[in-house]
Protein backbone atom coordinates (compact mmCIF):
# COMPACT_ATOMS: atom_id res chain seq x y z
CA MET A 1 123.25 100.91 138.34
CA LYS A 2 126.67 100.23 139.90
CA ARG A 3 127.79 101.30 143.36
CA THR A 4 130.62 100.61 145.76
CA ALA A 5 129.98 99.15 149.19
CA THR A 6 130.95 102.46 150.81
CA ASP A 7 128.48 104.37 148.65
CA LEU A 8 125.80 101.78 149.39
CA ARG A 9 126.39 102.17 153.12
CA ALA A 10 125.90 105.93 152.85
CA HIS A 11 122.69 105.61 150.79
CA LEU A 12 121.37 102.20 151.80
CA TYR A 13 117.71 103.10 152.31
CA GLU A 14 117.56 105.25 149.18
CA VAL A 15 119.00 102.38 147.13
CA LEU A 16 116.63 99.82 148.64
CA ASP A 17 113.62 102.08 148.10
CA GLY A 18 114.70 102.65 144.50
CA VAL A 19 115.03 98.94 143.78
CA ALA A 20 111.67 98.26 145.43
CA LYS A 21 109.92 101.01 143.48
CA THR A 22 111.46 100.57 140.01
CA GLY A 23 112.49 96.93 140.01
CA ARG A 24 115.87 97.84 138.51
CA PRO A 25 118.73 95.87 140.12
CA VAL A 26 121.74 97.57 141.70
CA GLU A 27 125.22 96.07 141.39
CA VAL A 28 127.49 96.52 144.40
CA THR A 29 131.22 95.85 144.29
CA ARG A 30 132.87 94.68 147.51
CA GLY A 31 136.47 93.50 147.55
CA GLY A 32 136.49 92.90 143.81
CA VAL A 33 133.36 90.77 143.98
CA ALA A 34 130.21 91.95 142.22
CA LEU A 35 126.99 91.50 144.16
CA CYS A 36 123.49 92.38 143.07
CA ILE A 37 120.44 93.72 144.91
CA VAL A 38 117.28 92.74 143.09
CA ARG A 39 113.60 92.79 143.83
CA LYS A 40 112.30 89.30 144.42
CA GLU A 41 108.94 89.74 142.70
CA LEU A 42 107.94 92.10 139.94
CA PRO A 43 104.55 93.76 140.26
CA ARG A 44 101.65 92.09 138.54
CA ARG A 45 100.62 93.59 135.26
CA PRO A 46 96.97 94.44 134.84
CA ARG A 47 94.93 91.67 133.32
CA LYS A 48 93.80 92.16 129.75
CA THR A 49 90.60 90.25 130.37
CA PRO A 50 88.25 91.02 133.23
CA ARG A 51 88.32 88.54 136.04
CA THR A 52 85.26 86.50 136.81
CA LEU A 53 83.60 86.18 140.19
CA PRO A 54 81.85 82.80 140.05
CA ASP A 55 80.60 82.90 143.66
CA LEU A 56 79.30 86.47 143.56
CA ILE A 57 75.64 85.45 143.48
CA VAL A 58 74.47 83.36 146.39
CA GLY A 59 71.45 81.36 145.29
CA ASP A 60 69.90 80.72 141.92
CA PRO A 61 70.86 83.34 139.29
CA ASP A 62 67.63 82.62 137.39
CA ASP A 63 65.68 84.13 140.32
CA LEU A 64 67.17 87.52 139.44
CA ILE A 65 65.41 87.57 136.08
CA HIS A 66 61.92 87.63 137.57
CA MET A 67 62.74 89.81 140.57
CA GLU A 68 61.04 93.18 141.02
CA TRP A 69 63.55 96.02 141.14
CA PRO A 70 62.05 99.19 142.68
CA TRP A 71 64.52 101.51 140.98
CA ALA A 72 63.59 100.08 137.57
CA ALA A 73 59.83 100.59 137.88
CA GLY A 74 58.32 101.72 134.59
CA ARG A 75 61.51 101.15 132.59
CA ASP A 76 61.88 98.57 129.87
CA LEU A 77 65.22 97.00 130.67
């Protein structure tokens, strides 16, 4: 999107919010010089593989196998 400096001044916060939300840069012309407003970082895309949590279990994971679970009484899990 292209804008003049005067137009940018009148709509500065709208332009900044738009760049932040969409990531699309805005070109501003001032005195014959083209300037660009861009978002520094693009949002992260969702991972295609689930992340792992290696430190989720505190202790020995093998102890969980032989643990009695009250909610699972009588079920063959």
